[in-house]
Amino acid sequence: NPQVVAPAFNPDTPAGTPSLFPLLFVTIACGAISGFHSLVGSGTTAKQIDKETDERLVGYGGAVGEGMLALAAIIAVSAGFASLGDWQAVYTKFGAGGITAFVEGGAAIVSNGLGFSHEFAATLLAVMAILFAGTTMDTGVRLQRYIVQEWGNIYNIPILTNNFVATLIAVGACIALAFGAGGASGAGGMIIWPLFGTTNQLLAGLTLLVVSLILLKLGRPVWFTLLPMAFLLLVTILALLIQLWHFFSIGNWLLVVMDILILIAATMVALEAMGAFMRERQRLAATARGAE
C-alpha cells in the first residue's frame, strides 16, 4: 500500500501553474467525462456492438475502467515517495516532464515491479505512448469522415457523402494543420492544443444536453444530467475567457480568433439548451392540458 505524501492542496505551486478553477476541469480531459467519447460512442461503438443492450456494459463498463485508470494516475503522482520533500523535488516545475516523464517513470514502475530491464521497460512504455496516439488519430479521422458525410446529407451536397471524398477532406485537414501551421516539423497540431480541453468539454456539455432532452421527452428525471451540463458550460466559458486574455496578452492571434469562435459556440450551446428545454416543457404542458 503506497503512502500518499502529496498534499491535498499545494500552496507552494511552481511558476506558471494555472488556476485550479476552472482550468482543472478543461485540462484533465478524461477519467470523469469527455466529449470526444460521445463522438466515439455514436460514430464507432454503435457500429461495433452486437445489440443495443450491450451498450450498458460497453459504455458504463468502459467509463468505470477509465475512472479506475484516472485513480491509478492520481496514485502514481501522489504516492510512492519517501517524503514530501522527495515529491516536491520531482514536481518543481509545471509541465516540465512531458512524454519523457511518462516513459521513464512508467519504465521504472514496470522494471521494479515485474523485473524487466529498464531498457526493455522504457521501450515498452514508448510503444504504448505511440499506440495511444495512433489509435486516437485513427478514431479521430474516422469520426471526421462521418461528420463530413453528415454535412453532405444535411446540406444536400452529394459529393461529401462519398467515402473517399470525405476521407480525403478529413486527412487533408489534418495534414494542412500539421504542416501548414507547423512547418516542416509537422507540429502544427500543438499550436491549437491549448484549446483542446475546452472544446472537448464543450462537446461533453452538448452531449449531456441531448441526453437531457431525450430523458425529458421520455418523462424521466433529468437533473442528474442537467446539472453536470450546466456546470460544464460554466467552467468551459470561464476557461475560454481566461485563456482569451492570456492569448491576447502574449499576442497569439490565431488562438485569440479560435478562442472567440469557441466562445461563441459555447454561448450558442447554452442558449440552445435553455430554448430547447423551454420548448419541451411548453410541449409537455400543452399535451397535459389536451389530455384533460
C-alpha atoms as a PDB file:
ATOM      1  CA  ASN A   1       0.000   0.000   0.000  1.00  0.00           C
ATOM      2  CA  PRO A   2       1.852   3.117  -1.189  1.00  0.00           C
ATOM      3  CA  GLN A   3       1.699   6.032   1.217  1.00  0.00           C
ATOM      4  CA  VAL A   4       0.301   9.259  -0.239  1.00  0.00           C
ATOM      5  CA  VAL A   5       2.765  12.027   0.616  1.00  0.00           C
ATOM      6  CA  ALA A   6       1.476  14.706  -1.762  1.00  0.00           C
ATOM      7  CA  PRO A   7      -0.585  17.435  -0.067  1.00  0.00           C
ATOM      8  CA  ALA A   8      -4.312  17.621  -0.797  1.00  0.00           C
ATOM      9  CA  PHE A   9      -3.768  21.270  -1.762  1.00  0.00           C
ATOM     10  CA  ASN A  10      -0.326  22.567  -2.626  1.00  0.00           C
ATOM     11  CA  PRO A  11       0.045  26.257  -1.709  1.00  0.00           C
ATOM     12  CA  ASP A  12       3.649  26.353  -2.977  1.00  0.00           C
ATOM     13  CA  THR A  13       2.874  25.934  -6.678  1.00  0.00           C
ATOM     14  CA  PRO A  14       5.580  26.238  -9.347  1.00  0.00           C
ATOM     15  CA  ALA A  15       5.721  29.338 -11.517  1.00  0.00           C
ATOM     16  CA  GLY A  16       3.370  29.211 -14.487  1.00  0.00           C
ATOM     17  CA  THR A  17       0.851  26.927 -12.807  1.00  0.00           C
ATOM     18  CA  PRO A  18      -2.674  27.869 -13.948  1.00  0.00           C
ATOM     19  CA  SER A  19      -5.537  28.434 -11.527  1.00  0.00           C
ATOM     20  CA  LEU A  20      -7.249  25.354 -10.130  1.00  0.00           C
ATOM     21  CA  PHE A  21     -10.708  26.618 -11.084  1.00  0.00           C
ATOM     22  CA  PRO A  22     -11.841  26.462 -13.795  1.00  0.00           C
ATOM     23  CA  LEU A  23      -8.799  25.276 -15.752  1.00  0.00           C
ATOM     24  CA  LEU A  24      -8.517  21.948 -13.921  1.00  0.00           C
ATOM     25  CA  PHE A  25     -11.808  20.852 -15.475  1.00  0.00           C
ATOM     26  CA  VAL A  26     -10.720  21.597 -19.044  1.00  0.00           C
ATOM     27  CA  THR A  27      -7.148  20.342 -18.637  1.00  0.00           C
ATOM     28  CA  ILE A  28      -7.903  16.800 -17.472  1.00  0.00           C
ATOM     29  CA  ALA A  29      -9.950  15.568 -20.414  1.00  0.00           C
ATOM     30  CA  CYS A  30     -10.765  12.032 -19.286  1.00  0.00           C
ATOM     31  CA  GLY A  31     -11.450   9.976 -16.189  1.00  0.00           C
ATOM     32  CA  ALA A  32     -14.792  11.616 -15.395  1.00  0.00           C
ATOM     33  CA  ILE A  33     -16.298  12.964 -18.623  1.00  0.00           C
ATOM     34  CA  SER A  34     -15.013  13.604 -22.133  1.00  0.00           C
ATOM     35  CA  GLY A  35     -16.921  14.969 -25.094  1.00  0.00           C
ATOM     36  CA  PHE A  36     -14.789  13.027 -27.549  1.00  0.00           C
ATOM     37  CA  HIS A  37     -16.246   9.825 -26.137  1.00  0.00           C
ATOM     38  CA  SER A  38     -19.719  10.863 -27.258  1.00  0.00           C
ATOM     39  CA  LEU A  39     -18.478  11.001 -30.844  1.00  0.00           C
ATOM     40  CA  VAL A  40     -16.819   7.617 -30.434  1.00  0.00           C
ATOM     41  CA  GLY A  41     -20.000   6.171 -28.939  1.00  0.00           C
ATOM     42  CA  SER A  42     -22.204   7.329 -31.814  1.00  0.00           C
ATOM     43  CA  GLY A  43     -19.689   7.028 -34.642  1.00  0.00           C
ATOM     44  CA  THR A  44     -17.765   3.871 -33.766  1.00  0.00           C
ATOM     45  CA  THR A  45     -19.176   1.918 -30.809  1.00  0.00           C
ATOM     46  CA  ALA A  46     -22.726   1.908 -32.178  1.00  0.00           C
ATOM     47  CA  LYS A  47     -21.460   0.199 -35.332  1.00  0.00           C
ATOM     48  CA  GLN A  48     -19.447  -2.452 -33.495  1.00  0.00           C
ATOM     49  CA  ILE A  49     -21.772  -3.781 -30.800  1.00  0.00           C
ATOM     50  CA  ASP A  50     -23.892  -6.878 -31.407  1.00  0.00           C
ATOM     51  CA  LYS A  51     -27.124  -5.499 -29.927  1.00  0.00           C
ATOM     52  CA  GLU A  52     -28.319  -2.328 -28.258  1.00  0.00           C
ATOM     53  CA  THR A  53     -28.449  -3.841 -24.779  1.00  0.00           C
ATOM     54  CA  ASP A  54     -24.667  -4.340 -24.930  1.00  0.00           C
ATOM     55  CA  GLU A  55     -24.277  -0.560 -24.730  1.00  0.00           C
ATOM     56  CA  ARG A  56     -24.631  -0.594 -20.944  1.00  0.00           C
ATOM     57  CA  LEU A  57     -21.713  -2.975 -20.429  1.00  0.00           C
ATOM     58  CA  VAL A  58     -19.525  -1.351 -23.070  1.00  0.00           C
ATOM     59  CA  GLY A  59     -20.361   2.259 -22.220  1.00  0.00           C
ATOM     60  CA  TYR A  60     -20.688   2.104 -18.454  1.00  0.00           C
ATOM     61  CA  GLY A  61     -18.001  -0.560 -18.100  1.00  0.00           C
ATOM     62  CA  GLY A  62     -15.609   1.493 -20.197  1.00  0.00           C
ATOM     63  CA  ALA A  63     -16.338   4.601 -18.138  1.00  0.00           C
ATOM     64  CA  VAL A  64     -15.693   2.722 -14.880  1.00  0.00           C
ATOM     65  CA  GLY A  65     -12.464   1.330 -16.322  1.00  0.00           C
ATOM     66  CA  GLU A  66     -11.320   4.790 -17.319  1.00  0.00           C
ATOM     67  CA  GLY A  67     -12.200   6.105 -13.888  1.00  0.00           C
ATOM     68  CA  MET A  68     -10.033   3.388 -12.338  1.00  0.00           C
ATOM     69  CA  LEU A  69      -7.207   4.399 -14.665  1.00  0.00           C
ATOM     70  CA  ALA A  70      -7.644   8.000 -13.534  1.00  0.00           C
ATOM     71  CA  LEU A  71      -7.375   6.913  -9.889  1.00  0.00           C
ATOM     72  CA  ALA A  72      -4.249   4.923 -10.737  1.00  0.00           C
ATOM     73  CA  ALA A  73      -2.768   8.040 -12.340  1.00  0.00           C
ATOM     74  CA  ILE A  74      -3.501  10.070  -9.196  1.00  0.00           C
ATOM     75  CA  ILE A  75      -1.831   7.411  -7.044  1.00  0.00           C
ATOM     76  CA  ALA A  76       1.176   7.358  -9.375  1.00  0.00           C
ATOM     77  CA  VAL A  77       1.805  11.104  -8.990  1.00  0.00           C
ATOM     78  CA  SER A  78       0.985  11.367  -5.289  1.00  0.00           C
ATOM     79  CA  ALA A  79       2.333   8.193  -3.671  1.00  0.00           C
ATOM     80  CA  GLY A  80       5.463   6.101  -3.720  1.00  0.00           C
ATOM     81  CA  PHE A  81       7.753   8.889  -2.482  1.00  0.00           C
ATOM     82  CA  ALA A  82       9.750   8.546   0.712  1.00  0.00           C
ATOM     83  CA  SER A  83       8.792  12.019   1.925  1.00  0.00           C
ATOM     84  CA  LEU A  84       7.044  15.231   0.970  1.00  0.00           C
ATOM     85  CA  GLY A  85      10.439  16.714   0.151  1.00  0.00           C
ATOM     86  CA  ASP A  86      11.090  13.999  -2.433  1.00  0.00           C
ATOM     87  CA  TRP A  87       7.706  14.692  -4.012  1.00  0.00           C
ATOM     88  CA  GLN A  88       8.393  18.434  -4.138  1.00  0.00           C
ATOM     89  CA  ALA A  89      11.797  17.795  -5.723  1.00  0.00           C
ATOM     90  CA  VAL A  90      10.162  15.932  -8.616  1.00  0.00           C
ATOM     91  CA  TYR A  91       7.385  18.456  -9.221  1.00  0.00           C
ATOM     92  CA  THR A  92       9.410  21.661  -9.087  1.00  0.00           C
ATOM     93  CA  LYS A  93       8.267  22.937 -12.496  1.00  0.00           C
ATOM     94  CA  PHE A  94       4.859  22.986 -14.126  1.00  0.00           C
ATOM     95  CA  GLY A  95       4.674  20.839 -17.265  1.00  0.00           C
ATOM     96  CA  ALA A  96       8.394  20.053 -17.282  1.00  0.00           C
ATOM     97  CA  GLY A  97       8.128  16.268 -17.520  1.00  0.00           C
ATOM     98  CA  GLY A  98       6.226  15.761 -20.755  1.00  0.00           C
ATOM     99  CA  ILE A  99       6.211  12.422 -22.524  1.00  0.00           C
ATOM    100  CA  THR A 100       9.711  11.652 -21.220  1.00  0.00           C
ATOM    101  CA  ALA A 101       8.400  11.580 -17.656  1.00  0.00           C
ATOM    102  CA  PHE A 102       5.678   9.136 -18.704  1.00  0.00           C
ATOM    103  CA  VAL A 103       8.154   6.810 -20.411  1.00  0.00           C
ATOM    104  CA  GLU A 104      10.875   6.969 -17.770  1.00  0.00           C
ATOM    105  CA  GLY A 105       8.511   6.905 -14.790  1.00  0.00           C
ATOM    106  CA  GLY A 106       6.422   4.087 -16.229  1.00  0.00           C
ATOM    107  CA  ALA A 107       9.576   2.169 -17.107  1.00  0.00           C
ATOM    108  CA  ALA A 108      10.768   2.429 -13.510  1.00  0.00           C
ATOM    109  CA  ILE A 109       7.450   1.040 -12.234  1.00  0.00           C
ATOM    110  CA  VAL A 110       7.434  -1.832 -14.754  1.00  0.00           C
ATOM    111  CA  SER A 111      11.114  -2.590 -14.212  1.00  0.00           C
ATOM    112  CA  ASN A 112      10.905  -2.666 -10.422  1.00  0.00           C
ATOM    113  CA  GLY A 113       7.526  -4.371 -10.294  1.00  0.00           C
ATOM    114  CA  LEU A 114       7.958  -7.062 -12.960  1.00  0.00           C
ATOM    115  CA  GLY A 115      11.720  -7.465 -13.015  1.00  0.00           C
ATOM    116  CA  PHE A 116      12.271  -6.411 -16.644  1.00  0.00           C
ATOM    117  CA  SER A 117      15.355  -4.473 -17.610  1.00  0.00           C
ATOM    118  CA  HIS A 118      14.951  -0.697 -17.648  1.00  0.00           C
ATOM    119  CA  GLU A 119      15.755  -0.545 -21.373  1.00  0.00           C
ATOM    120  CA  PHE A 120      13.028  -3.078 -22.235  1.00  0.00           C
ATOM    121  CA  ALA A 121      10.512  -1.351 -19.953  1.00  0.00           C
ATOM    122  CA  ALA A 122      11.281   2.064 -21.480  1.00  0.00           C
ATOM    123  CA  THR A 123      10.796   0.648 -24.980  1.00  0.00           C
ATOM    124  CA  LEU A 124       7.502  -0.929 -23.913  1.00  0.00           C
ATOM    125  CA  LEU A 125       6.215   2.374 -22.487  1.00  0.00           C
ATOM    126  CA  ALA A 126       7.340   4.283 -25.583  1.00  0.00           C
ATOM    127  CA  VAL A 127       5.407   1.859 -27.794  1.00  0.00           C
ATOM    128  CA  MET A 128       2.350   2.300 -25.557  1.00  0.00           C
ATOM    129  CA  ALA A 129       2.562   6.083 -25.931  1.00  0.00           C
ATOM    130  CA  ILE A 130       2.769   5.744 -29.717  1.00  0.00           C
ATOM    131  CA  LEU A 131      -0.180   3.331 -29.727  1.00  0.00           C
ATOM    132  CA  PHE A 132      -2.255   5.795 -27.698  1.00  0.00           C
ATOM    133  CA  ALA A 133      -1.591   8.492 -30.280  1.00  0.00           C
ATOM    134  CA  GLY A 134      -2.051   6.142 -33.238  1.00  0.00           C
ATOM    135  CA  THR A 135      -5.387   4.698 -32.161  1.00  0.00           C
ATOM    136  CA  THR A 136      -6.695   8.137 -31.196  1.00  0.00           C
ATOM    137  CA  MET A 137      -5.672   9.540 -34.576  1.00  0.00           C
ATOM    138  CA  ASP A 138      -7.305   6.626 -36.400  1.00  0.00           C
ATOM    139  CA  THR A 139     -10.562   7.046 -34.498  1.00  0.00           C
ATOM    140  CA  GLY A 140     -10.479  10.824 -34.845  1.00  0.00           C
ATOM    141  CA  VAL A 141     -10.021  10.747 -38.618  1.00  0.00           C
ATOM    142  CA  ARG A 142     -12.818   8.192 -38.956  1.00  0.00           C
ATOM    143  CA  LEU A 143     -15.153  10.398 -36.923  1.00  0.00           C
ATOM    144  CA  GLN A 144     -14.199  13.412 -39.030  1.00  0.00           C
ATOM    145  CA  ARG A 145     -15.189  11.430 -42.106  1.00  0.00           C
ATOM    146  CA  TYR A 146     -18.567  10.634 -40.554  1.00  0.00           C
ATOM    147  CA  ILE A 147     -19.112  14.314 -39.739  1.00  0.00           C
ATOM    148  CA  VAL A 148     -18.219  15.416 -43.279  1.00  0.00           C
ATOM    149  CA  GLN A 149     -20.662  12.856 -44.666  1.00  0.00           C
ATOM    150  CA  GLU A 150     -23.372  14.077 -42.289  1.00  0.00           C
ATOM    151  CA  TRP A 151     -22.775  17.610 -43.577  1.00  0.00           C
ATOM    152  CA  GLY A 152     -23.326  16.272 -47.070  1.00  0.00           C
ATOM    153  CA  ASN A 153     -26.660  14.771 -46.040  1.00  0.00           C
ATOM    154  CA  ILE A 154     -27.821  17.790 -44.034  1.00  0.00           C
ATOM    155  CA  TYR A 155     -26.906  20.402 -46.654  1.00  0.00           C
ATOM    156  CA  ASN A 156     -27.679  18.175 -49.662  1.00  0.00           C
ATOM    157  CA  ILE A 157     -24.111  18.059 -51.033  1.00  0.00           C
ATOM    158  CA  PRO A 158     -23.891  14.535 -52.524  1.00  0.00           C
ATOM    159  CA  ILE A 159     -20.139  14.613 -53.175  1.00  0.00           C
ATOM    160  CA  LEU A 160     -19.448  14.934 -49.437  1.00  0.00           C
ATOM    161  CA  THR A 161     -21.261  11.662 -48.765  1.00  0.00           C
ATOM    162  CA  ASN A 162     -18.687   9.750 -50.822  1.00  0.00           C
ATOM    163  CA  ASN A 163     -16.366   7.725 -48.551  1.00  0.00           C
ATOM    164  CA  PHE A 164     -13.214   8.618 -50.468  1.00  0.00           C
ATOM    165  CA  VAL A 165     -14.010  12.335 -50.716  1.00  0.00           C
ATOM    166  CA  ALA A 166     -14.946  12.570 -47.032  1.00  0.00           C
ATOM    167  CA  THR A 167     -11.783  10.702 -46.019  1.00  0.00           C
ATOM    168  CA  LEU A 168      -9.645  12.952 -48.235  1.00  0.00           C
ATOM    169  CA  ILE A 169     -11.127  16.047 -46.605  1.00  0.00           C
ATOM    170  CA  ALA A 170     -10.579  14.652 -43.094  1.00  0.00           C
ATOM    171  CA  VAL A 171      -6.983  13.585 -43.745  1.00  0.00           C
ATOM    172  CA  GLY A 172      -6.248  16.711 -45.781  1.00  0.00           C
ATOM    173  CA  ALA A 173      -7.388  18.955 -42.939  1.00  0.00           C
ATOM    174  CA  CYS A 174      -5.017  17.152 -40.545  1.00  0.00           C
ATOM    175  CA  ILE A 175      -2.095  17.451 -42.966  1.00  0.00           C
ATOM    176  CA  ALA A 176      -2.826  21.129 -43.608  1.00  0.00           C
ATOM    177  CA  LEU A 177      -2.885  21.841 -39.885  1.00  0.00           C
ATOM    178  CA  ALA A 178       0.192  19.770 -39.059  1.00  0.00           C
ATOM    179  CA  PHE A 179       2.468  21.046 -41.826  1.00  0.00           C
ATOM    180  CA  GLY A 180       0.755  24.275 -42.882  1.00  0.00           C
ATOM    181  CA  ALA A 181       0.750  25.808 -39.420  1.00  0.00           C
ATOM    182  CA  GLY A 182       3.697  23.880 -38.012  1.00  0.00           C
ATOM    183  CA  GLY A 183       6.084  23.917 -40.957  1.00  0.00           C
ATOM    184  CA  ALA A 184       8.316  21.007 -41.889  1.00  0.00           C
ATOM    185  CA  SER A 185       8.318  19.710 -38.307  1.00  0.00           C
ATOM    186  CA  GLY A 186       4.648  18.744 -38.621  1.00  0.00           C
ATOM    187  CA  ALA A 187       3.917  20.096 -35.148  1.00  0.00           C
ATOM    188  CA  GLY A 188       1.063  22.376 -36.177  1.00  0.00           C
ATOM    189  CA  GLY A 189      -1.412  20.477 -34.048  1.00  0.00           C
ATOM    190  CA  MET A 190       0.443  21.554 -30.910  1.00  0.00           C
ATOM    191  CA  ILE A 191      -0.318  25.192 -31.744  1.00  0.00           C
ATOM    192  CA  ILE A 192      -4.025  24.748 -31.057  1.00  0.00           C
ATOM    193  CA  TRP A 193      -3.590  22.073 -28.368  1.00  0.00           C
ATOM    194  CA  PRO A 194      -4.214  24.576 -25.503  1.00  0.00           C
ATOM    195  CA  LEU A 195      -7.826  24.843 -26.695  1.00  0.00           C
ATOM    196  CA  PHE A 196      -8.429  21.097 -26.923  1.00  0.00           C
ATOM    197  CA  GLY A 197      -9.694  20.748 -23.363  1.00  0.00           C
ATOM    198  CA  THR A 198     -12.277  23.499 -23.665  1.00  0.00           C
ATOM    199  CA  THR A 199     -13.659  22.226 -26.976  1.00  0.00           C
ATOM    200  CA  ASN A 200     -13.717  18.684 -25.608  1.00  0.00           C
ATOM    201  CA  GLN A 201     -15.750  19.633 -22.554  1.00  0.00           C
ATOM    202  CA  LEU A 202     -17.989  21.904 -24.610  1.00  0.00           C
ATOM    203  CA  LEU A 203     -18.825  18.848 -26.680  1.00  0.00           C
ATOM    204  CA  ALA A 204     -19.484  16.947 -23.443  1.00  0.00           C
ATOM    205  CA  GLY A 205     -21.944  19.644 -22.408  1.00  0.00           C
ATOM    206  CA  LEU A 206     -23.696  19.389 -25.771  1.00  0.00           C
ATOM    207  CA  THR A 207     -23.919  15.614 -25.331  1.00  0.00           C
ATOM    208  CA  LEU A 208     -25.490  15.994 -21.893  1.00  0.00           C
ATOM    209  CA  LEU A 209     -27.951  18.455 -23.425  1.00  0.00           C
ATOM    210  CA  VAL A 210     -29.059  15.864 -25.979  1.00  0.00           C
ATOM    211  CA  VAL A 211     -29.357  13.175 -23.288  1.00  0.00           C
ATOM    212  CA  SER A 212     -31.327  15.529 -21.031  1.00  0.00           C
ATOM    213  CA  LEU A 213     -33.788  16.325 -23.807  1.00  0.00           C
ATOM    214  CA  ILE A 214     -34.279  12.628 -24.535  1.00  0.00           C
ATOM    215  CA  LEU A 215     -34.947  11.928 -20.855  1.00  0.00           C
ATOM    216  CA  LEU A 216     -37.346  14.862 -20.687  1.00  0.00           C
ATOM    217  CA  LYS A 217     -39.282  13.556 -23.689  1.00  0.00           C
ATOM    218  CA  LEU A 218     -39.481  10.144 -22.017  1.00  0.00           C
ATOM    219  CA  GLY A 219     -40.804  11.709 -18.820  1.00  0.00           C
ATOM    220  CA  ARG A 220     -37.799  10.638 -16.758  1.00  0.00           C
ATOM    221  CA  PRO A 221     -35.727  12.646 -14.222  1.00  0.00           C
ATOM    222  CA  VAL A 222     -33.203  14.936 -15.898  1.00  0.00           C
ATOM    223  CA  TRP A 223     -31.396  16.638 -13.020  1.00  0.00           C
ATOM    224  CA  PHE A 224     -28.548  14.116 -12.902  1.00  0.00           C
ATOM    225  CA  THR A 225     -27.614  15.088 -16.479  1.00  0.00           C
ATOM    226  CA  LEU A 226     -28.878  18.686 -16.458  1.00  0.00           C
ATOM    227  CA  LEU A 227     -26.757  19.834 -13.508  1.00  0.00           C
ATOM    228  CA  PRO A 228     -23.465  18.424 -14.908  1.00  0.00           C
ATOM    229  CA  MET A 229     -24.316  20.068 -18.241  1.00  0.00           C
ATOM    230  CA  ALA A 230     -24.760  23.464 -16.570  1.00  0.00           C
ATOM    231  CA  PHE A 231     -21.501  23.003 -14.644  1.00  0.00           C
ATOM    232  CA  LEU A 232     -19.579  22.034 -17.786  1.00  0.00           C
ATOM    233  CA  LEU A 233     -20.879  25.011 -19.737  1.00  0.00           C
ATOM    234  CA  LEU A 234     -19.989  27.318 -16.830  1.00  0.00           C
ATOM    235  CA  VAL A 235     -16.406  26.117 -16.438  1.00  0.00           C
ATOM    236  CA  THR A 236     -15.902  25.969 -20.213  1.00  0.00           C
ATOM    237  CA  ILE A 237     -16.977  29.574 -20.729  1.00  0.00           C
ATOM    238  CA  LEU A 238     -14.898  30.772 -17.749  1.00  0.00           C
ATOM    239  CA  ALA A 239     -11.852  28.874 -19.019  1.00  0.00           C
ATOM    240  CA  LEU A 240     -12.290  30.338 -22.500  1.00  0.00           C
ATOM    241  CA  LEU A 241     -12.380  33.866 -21.073  1.00  0.00           C
ATOM    242  CA  ILE A 242      -9.230  33.259 -19.011  1.00  0.00           C
ATOM    243  CA  GLN A 243      -7.424  31.707 -21.972  1.00  0.00           C
ATOM    244  CA  LEU A 244      -8.581  34.526 -24.256  1.00  0.00           C
ATOM    245  CA  TRP A 245      -6.935  37.097 -22.014  1.00  0.00           C
ATOM    246  CA  HIS A 246      -3.747  35.015 -21.870  1.00  0.00           C
ATOM    247  CA  PHE A 247      -3.556  34.551 -25.652  1.00  0.00           C
ATOM    248  CA  PHE A 248      -4.246  38.258 -26.166  1.00  0.00           C
ATOM    249  CA  SER A 249      -1.519  39.265 -23.696  1.00  0.00           C
ATOM    250  CA  ILE A 250       1.128  37.157 -25.475  1.00  0.00           C
ATOM    251  CA  GLY A 251      -0.037  38.173 -28.958  1.00  0.00           C
ATOM    252  CA  ASN A 252      -1.092  34.718 -30.168  1.00  0.00           C
ATOM    253  CA  TRP A 253      -3.726  35.967 -32.614  1.00  0.00           C
ATOM    254  CA  LEU A 254      -4.504  32.554 -34.093  1.00  0.00           C
ATOM    255  CA  LEU A 255      -5.600  31.242 -30.718  1.00  0.00           C
ATOM    256  CA  VAL A 256      -7.381  34.527 -29.960  1.00  0.00           C
ATOM    257  CA  VAL A 257      -9.565  34.078 -33.052  1.00  0.00           C
ATOM    258  CA  MET A 258     -10.158  30.383 -32.341  1.00  0.00           C
ATOM    259  CA  ASP A 259     -10.930  31.107 -28.689  1.00  0.00           C
ATOM    260  CA  ILE A 260     -13.546  33.688 -29.702  1.00  0.00           C
ATOM    261  CA  LEU A 261     -15.132  31.243 -32.158  1.00  0.00           C
ATOM    262  CA  ILE A 262     -15.305  28.526 -29.495  1.00  0.00           C
ATOM    263  CA  LEU A 263     -16.691  31.058 -27.005  1.00  0.00           C
ATOM    264  CA  ILE A 264     -19.442  31.918 -29.485  1.00  0.00           C
ATOM    265  CA  ALA A 265     -20.158  28.197 -29.909  1.00  0.00           C
ATOM    266  CA  ALA A 266     -20.311  27.727 -26.126  1.00  0.00           C
ATOM    267  CA  THR A 267     -22.750  30.621 -25.812  1.00  0.00           C
ATOM    268  CA  MET A 268     -24.895  29.178 -28.604  1.00  0.00           C
ATOM    269  CA  VAL A 269     -24.957  25.788 -26.853  1.00  0.00           C
ATOM    270  CA  ALA A 270     -26.050  27.444 -23.598  1.00  0.00           C
ATOM    271  CA  LEU A 271     -28.796  29.404 -25.362  1.00  0.00           C
ATOM    272  CA  GLU A 272     -29.876  26.321 -27.307  1.00  0.00           C
ATOM    273  CA  ALA A 273     -30.084  24.375 -24.046  1.00  0.00           C
ATOM    274  CA  MET A 274     -32.364  26.953 -22.446  1.00  0.00           C
ATOM    275  CA  GLY A 275     -34.506  27.297 -25.568  1.00  0.00           C
ATOM    276  CA  ALA A 276     -34.849  23.554 -26.087  1.00  0.00           C
ATOM    277  CA  PHE A 277     -35.937  22.946 -22.508  1.00  0.00           C
ATOM    278  CA  MET A 278     -38.432  25.787 -22.594  1.00  0.00           C
ATOM    279  CA  ARG A 279     -39.949  24.455 -25.821  1.00  0.00           C
ATOM    280  CA  GLU A 280     -40.114  20.909 -24.490  1.00  0.00           C
ATOM    281  CA  ARG A 281     -41.703  21.993 -21.216  1.00  0.00           C
ATOM    282  CA  GLN A 282     -44.275  24.006 -23.152  1.00  0.00           C
ATOM    283  CA  ARG A 283     -44.999  20.990 -25.328  1.00  0.00           C
ATOM    284  CA  LEU A 284     -45.449  18.734 -22.310  1.00  0.00           C
ATOM    285  CA  ALA A 285     -47.703  21.308 -20.645  1.00  0.00           C
ATOM    286  CA  ALA A 286     -49.822  21.598 -23.791  1.00  0.00           C
ATOM    287  CA  THR A 287     -50.068  17.807 -24.004  1.00  0.00           C
ATOM    288  CA  ALA A 288     -51.179  17.625 -20.374  1.00  0.00           C
ATOM    289  CA  ARG A 289     -53.851  20.286 -20.933  1.00  0.00           C
ATOM    290  CA  GLY A 290     -55.075  18.441 -24.030  1.00  0.00           C
ATOM    291  CA  ALA A 291     -55.360  15.222 -22.056  1.00  0.00           C
ATOM    292  CA  GLU A 292     -57.610  16.957 -19.541  1.00  0.00           C
END
